[in-house]
Amino acid sequence: MNNIMQYKGYVGSVAFSDNDGVFFGKVQGVRSLISYEGITVQELLDDFHGAVDDYLSLCAEEGTEPEITYI
């Protein structure tokens, strides 16, 4: 199993909680907290993509430069 994902130049971690039965992670290499989760792998992937897209949209709306993953 691969424990990272990549999308639009951002790297996201992948972990699984036995207690909650959910996959979760956060974007690595940026100061902003960008997290995501899903019960299935597809839900996790979709939420990761959505979280990155939301972050980039928010930066555009605020006129700020998005952080770039340093990894």
Protein backbone atom coordinates (compact mmCIF):
# COMPACT_ATOMS: atom_id res chain seq x y z
CA MET A 1 0.00 0.00 0.00
CA ASN A 2 1.26 3.44 -0.91
CA ASN A 3 0.95 5.89 1.98
CA ILE A 4 1.07 9.09 -0.10
CA MET A 5 -1.03 10.62 -2.85
CA GLN A 6 -0.22 13.44 -5.28
CA TYR A 7 -2.49 15.99 -6.92
CA LYS A 8 -1.67 19.31 -8.61
CA GLY A 9 1.83 19.24 -7.13
CA TYR A 10 0.64 18.60 -3.56
CA VAL A 11 1.54 15.48 -1.58
CA GLY A 12 -0.96 14.00 0.85
CA SER A 13 -0.51 11.40 3.55
CA VAL A 14 -2.68 8.30 3.90
CA ALA A 15 -3.49 6.69 7.24
CA PHE A 16 -6.26 4.44 8.57
CA SER A 17 -7.98 4.58 11.94
CA ASP A 18 -9.01 1.12 13.18
CA ASN A 19 -11.14 2.72 15.89
CA ASP A 20 -13.15 4.88 13.49
CA GLY A 21 -12.91 2.72 10.36
CA VAL A 22 -11.88 5.72 8.26
CA PHE A 23 -8.98 6.68 6.02
CA PHE A 24 -7.55 10.16 6.68
CA GLY A 25 -4.61 12.37 5.89
CA LYS A 26 -3.25 15.86 5.41
CA VAL A 27 -1.28 17.71 2.78
CA GLN A 28 2.43 17.51 3.55
CA GLY A 29 5.05 20.21 3.18
CA VAL A 30 2.85 23.27 3.71
CA ARG A 31 2.13 25.30 6.84
CA SER A 32 -1.61 25.42 6.17
CA LEU A 33 -3.67 22.58 7.60
CA ILE A 34 -5.35 20.86 4.67
CA SER A 35 -6.96 17.62 5.82
CA TYR A 36 -9.31 15.07 4.28
CA GLU A 37 -10.95 11.73 5.04
CA GLY A 38 -13.09 8.97 3.59
CA ILE A 39 -14.58 5.62 4.45
CA THR A 40 -13.46 4.12 1.13
CA VAL A 41 -10.27 4.70 -0.83
CA GLN A 42 -12.28 6.49 -3.54
CA GLU A 43 -13.89 8.78 -0.92
CA LEU A 44 -10.42 9.55 0.48
CA LEU A 45 -9.08 10.37 -2.99
CA ASP A 46 -12.09 12.53 -3.85
CA ASP A 47 -11.88 14.42 -0.55
CA PHE A 48 -8.11 14.95 -1.02
CA HIS A 49 -8.70 16.42 -4.49
CA GLY A 50 -11.54 18.56 -3.15
CA ALA A 51 -9.44 19.83 -0.24
CA VAL A 52 -6.61 20.89 -2.55
CA ASP A 53 -9.04 22.51 -4.99
CA ASP A 54 -10.78 24.35 -2.12
CA TYR A 55 -7.43 25.58 -0.80
CA LEU A 56 -6.40 26.88 -4.22
CA SER A 57 -9.81 28.55 -4.72
CA LEU A 58 -9.60 30.22 -1.31
CA CYS A 59 -6.13 31.55 -2.09
CA ALA A 60 -7.41 32.94 -5.41
CA GLU A 61 -10.40 34.59 -3.72
CA GLU A 62 -8.19 36.16 -1.05
CA GLY A 63 -5.51 37.18 -3.54
CA THR A 64 -2.82 35.24 -1.70
CA GLU A 65 -0.14 33.04 -3.17
CA PRO A 66 -0.76 29.33 -2.40
CA GLU A 67 2.00 27.56 -0.54
CA ILE A 68 3.99 25.13 -2.65
CA THR A 69 4.85 21.71 -1.24
CA TYR A 70 8.51 21.69 -0.26
CA ILE A 71 8.80 17.88 -0.36
